[in-house]
Amino acid sequence: MSGPLSIPVWQNALIVRGCELDNGSELLPLELHPVGDCLQCTPTSSGSMLPFHVPVCTGQTVTISWDCELSRYVVDSMGKKTAA
């Protein structure tokens, strides 16, 4: 018997918690999508991605992965990786 595909606990936790974009005047929800062993989103506005406080740009894909050795998220935005 096969069930639905499951995602790693760290991905599920972040999807449930959610991410937002602070564009300076409002907070907008970001839609996270599992892609392989990462989560991705493509902001529709530039600003700061919360809860990580990482700068993001309109239309540039942001990738979030998990560092198993140090138990932390790694956010890849605008060609720069930030540990969170």
C-alpha atoms as a PDB file:
ATOM      1  CA  MET A   1       0.000   0.000   0.000  1.00  0.00           C
ATOM      2  CA  SER A   2       1.464   3.376  -0.926  1.00  0.00           C
ATOM      3  CA  GLY A   3       0.581   6.671   0.693  1.00  0.00           C
ATOM      4  CA  PRO A   4       1.166  10.286  -0.237  1.00  0.00           C
ATOM      5  CA  LEU A   5       4.725  11.433  -0.671  1.00  0.00           C
ATOM      6  CA  SER A   6       6.075  12.740   2.585  1.00  0.00           C
ATOM      7  CA  ILE A   7       8.418  15.666   3.002  1.00  0.00           C
ATOM      8  CA  PRO A   8      11.192  16.020   5.573  1.00  0.00           C
ATOM      9  CA  VAL A   9      10.223  17.331   9.001  1.00  0.00           C
ATOM     10  CA  TRP A  10      12.248  20.534   8.532  1.00  0.00           C
ATOM     11  CA  GLN A  11      10.355  21.336   5.307  1.00  0.00           C
ATOM     12  CA  ASN A  12       6.999  20.631   6.902  1.00  0.00           C
ATOM     13  CA  ALA A  13       7.854  22.804   9.918  1.00  0.00           C
ATOM     14  CA  LEU A  14       8.773  25.760   7.703  1.00  0.00           C
ATOM     15  CA  ILE A  15       5.735  25.342   5.452  1.00  0.00           C
ATOM     16  CA  VAL A  16       3.445  25.261   8.504  1.00  0.00           C
ATOM     17  CA  ARG A  17       5.179  28.266  10.087  1.00  0.00           C
ATOM     18  CA  GLY A  18       5.235  30.128   6.778  1.00  0.00           C
ATOM     19  CA  CYS A  19       7.518  32.826   5.404  1.00  0.00           C
ATOM     20  CA  GLU A  20       6.672  36.431   4.678  1.00  0.00           C
ATOM     21  CA  LEU A  21       8.128  39.245   2.642  1.00  0.00           C
ATOM     22  CA  ASP A  22       8.550  42.608   4.351  1.00  0.00           C
ATOM     23  CA  ASN A  23       8.630  45.114   1.487  1.00  0.00           C
ATOM     24  CA  GLY A  24       8.811  48.120   3.805  1.00  0.00           C
ATOM     25  CA  SER A  25       5.116  48.899   3.776  1.00  0.00           C
ATOM     26  CA  GLU A  26       3.411  45.546   4.268  1.00  0.00           C
ATOM     27  CA  LEU A  27       3.983  41.859   5.034  1.00  0.00           C
ATOM     28  CA  LEU A  28       3.160  39.539   2.138  1.00  0.00           C
ATOM     29  CA  PRO A  29       2.957  35.744   2.430  1.00  0.00           C
ATOM     30  CA  LEU A  30       5.491  33.760   0.408  1.00  0.00           C
ATOM     31  CA  GLU A  31       4.403  30.479  -1.132  1.00  0.00           C
ATOM     32  CA  LEU A  32       6.996  27.770  -0.458  1.00  0.00           C
ATOM     33  CA  HIS A  33       7.261  24.766  -2.805  1.00  0.00           C
ATOM     34  CA  PRO A  34       9.182  21.545  -2.126  1.00  0.00           C
ATOM     35  CA  VAL A  35      11.714  20.946  -4.923  1.00  0.00           C
ATOM     36  CA  GLY A  36      13.886  17.902  -4.334  1.00  0.00           C
ATOM     37  CA  ASP A  37      15.584  18.276  -0.959  1.00  0.00           C
ATOM     38  CA  CYS A  38      14.904  22.048  -0.800  1.00  0.00           C
ATOM     39  CA  LEU A  39      12.081  24.556  -0.575  1.00  0.00           C
ATOM     40  CA  GLN A  40      11.796  27.337  -3.130  1.00  0.00           C
ATOM     41  CA  CYS A  41       9.830  30.525  -3.607  1.00  0.00           C
ATOM     42  CA  THR A  42       9.909  33.387  -6.095  1.00  0.00           C
ATOM     43  CA  PRO A  43       9.057  36.745  -4.500  1.00  0.00           C
ATOM     44  CA  THR A  44       6.773  39.143  -6.383  1.00  0.00           C
ATOM     45  CA  SER A  45       8.330  42.110  -4.586  1.00  0.00           C
ATOM     46  CA  SER A  46      11.755  43.009  -3.200  1.00  0.00           C
ATOM     47  CA  GLY A  47      12.395  43.237   0.524  1.00  0.00           C
ATOM     48  CA  SER A  48      13.360  41.089   3.489  1.00  0.00           C
ATOM     49  CA  MET A  49      12.323  37.444   3.817  1.00  0.00           C
ATOM     50  CA  LEU A  50      11.023  36.701   7.299  1.00  0.00           C
ATOM     51  CA  PRO A  51      11.743  34.932   9.608  1.00  0.00           C
ATOM     52  CA  PHE A  52      15.284  34.817   8.179  1.00  0.00           C
ATOM     53  CA  HIS A  53      15.812  38.581   7.567  1.00  0.00           C
ATOM     54  CA  VAL A  54      17.456  37.796   4.222  1.00  0.00           C
ATOM     55  CA  PRO A  55      17.177  40.303   1.348  1.00  0.00           C
ATOM     56  CA  VAL A  56      15.294  39.040  -1.701  1.00  0.00           C
ATOM     57  CA  CYS A  57      14.565  40.534  -5.142  1.00  0.00           C
ATOM     58  CA  THR A  58      11.477  40.421  -7.323  1.00  0.00           C
ATOM     59  CA  GLY A  59      11.446  37.380  -9.595  1.00  0.00           C
ATOM     60  CA  GLN A  60      14.643  35.782  -8.252  1.00  0.00           C
ATOM     61  CA  THR A  61      14.162  32.270  -6.897  1.00  0.00           C
ATOM     62  CA  VAL A  62      15.049  31.789  -3.236  1.00  0.00           C
ATOM     63  CA  THR A  63      16.144  28.291  -2.173  1.00  0.00           C
ATOM     64  CA  ILE A  64      16.005  27.047   1.419  1.00  0.00           C
ATOM     65  CA  SER A  65      17.853  23.892   2.437  1.00  0.00           C
ATOM     66  CA  TRP A  66      18.726  22.158   5.694  1.00  0.00           C
ATOM     67  CA  ASP A  67      22.259  21.776   7.092  1.00  0.00           C
ATOM     68  CA  CYS A  68      22.047  18.420   8.913  1.00  0.00           C
ATOM     69  CA  GLU A  69      25.456  18.742  10.552  1.00  0.00           C
ATOM     70  CA  LEU A  70      24.665  22.049  12.276  1.00  0.00           C
ATOM     71  CA  SER A  71      20.841  21.760  12.435  1.00  0.00           C
ATOM     72  CA  ARG A  72      20.081  25.034  10.672  1.00  0.00           C
ATOM     73  CA  TYR A  73      18.418  26.410   7.590  1.00  0.00           C
ATOM     74  CA  VAL A  74      20.533  27.730   4.718  1.00  0.00           C
ATOM     75  CA  VAL A  75      18.898  30.390   2.551  1.00  0.00           C
ATOM     76  CA  ASP A  76      20.302  30.976  -0.947  1.00  0.00           C
ATOM     77  CA  SER A  77      19.166  34.373  -2.225  1.00  0.00           C
ATOM     78  CA  MET A  78      20.721  36.539  -4.938  1.00  0.00           C
ATOM     79  CA  GLY A  79      23.722  34.201  -5.153  1.00  0.00           C
ATOM     80  CA  LYS A  80      24.519  34.473  -1.452  1.00  0.00           C
ATOM     81  CA  LYS A  81      24.047  31.690   1.096  1.00  0.00           C
ATOM     82  CA  THR A  82      23.008  32.687   4.618  1.00  0.00           C
ATOM     83  CA  ALA A  83      22.823  30.340   7.607  1.00  0.00           C
ATOM     84  CA  ALA A  84      19.706  30.882   9.647  1.00  0.00           C
END
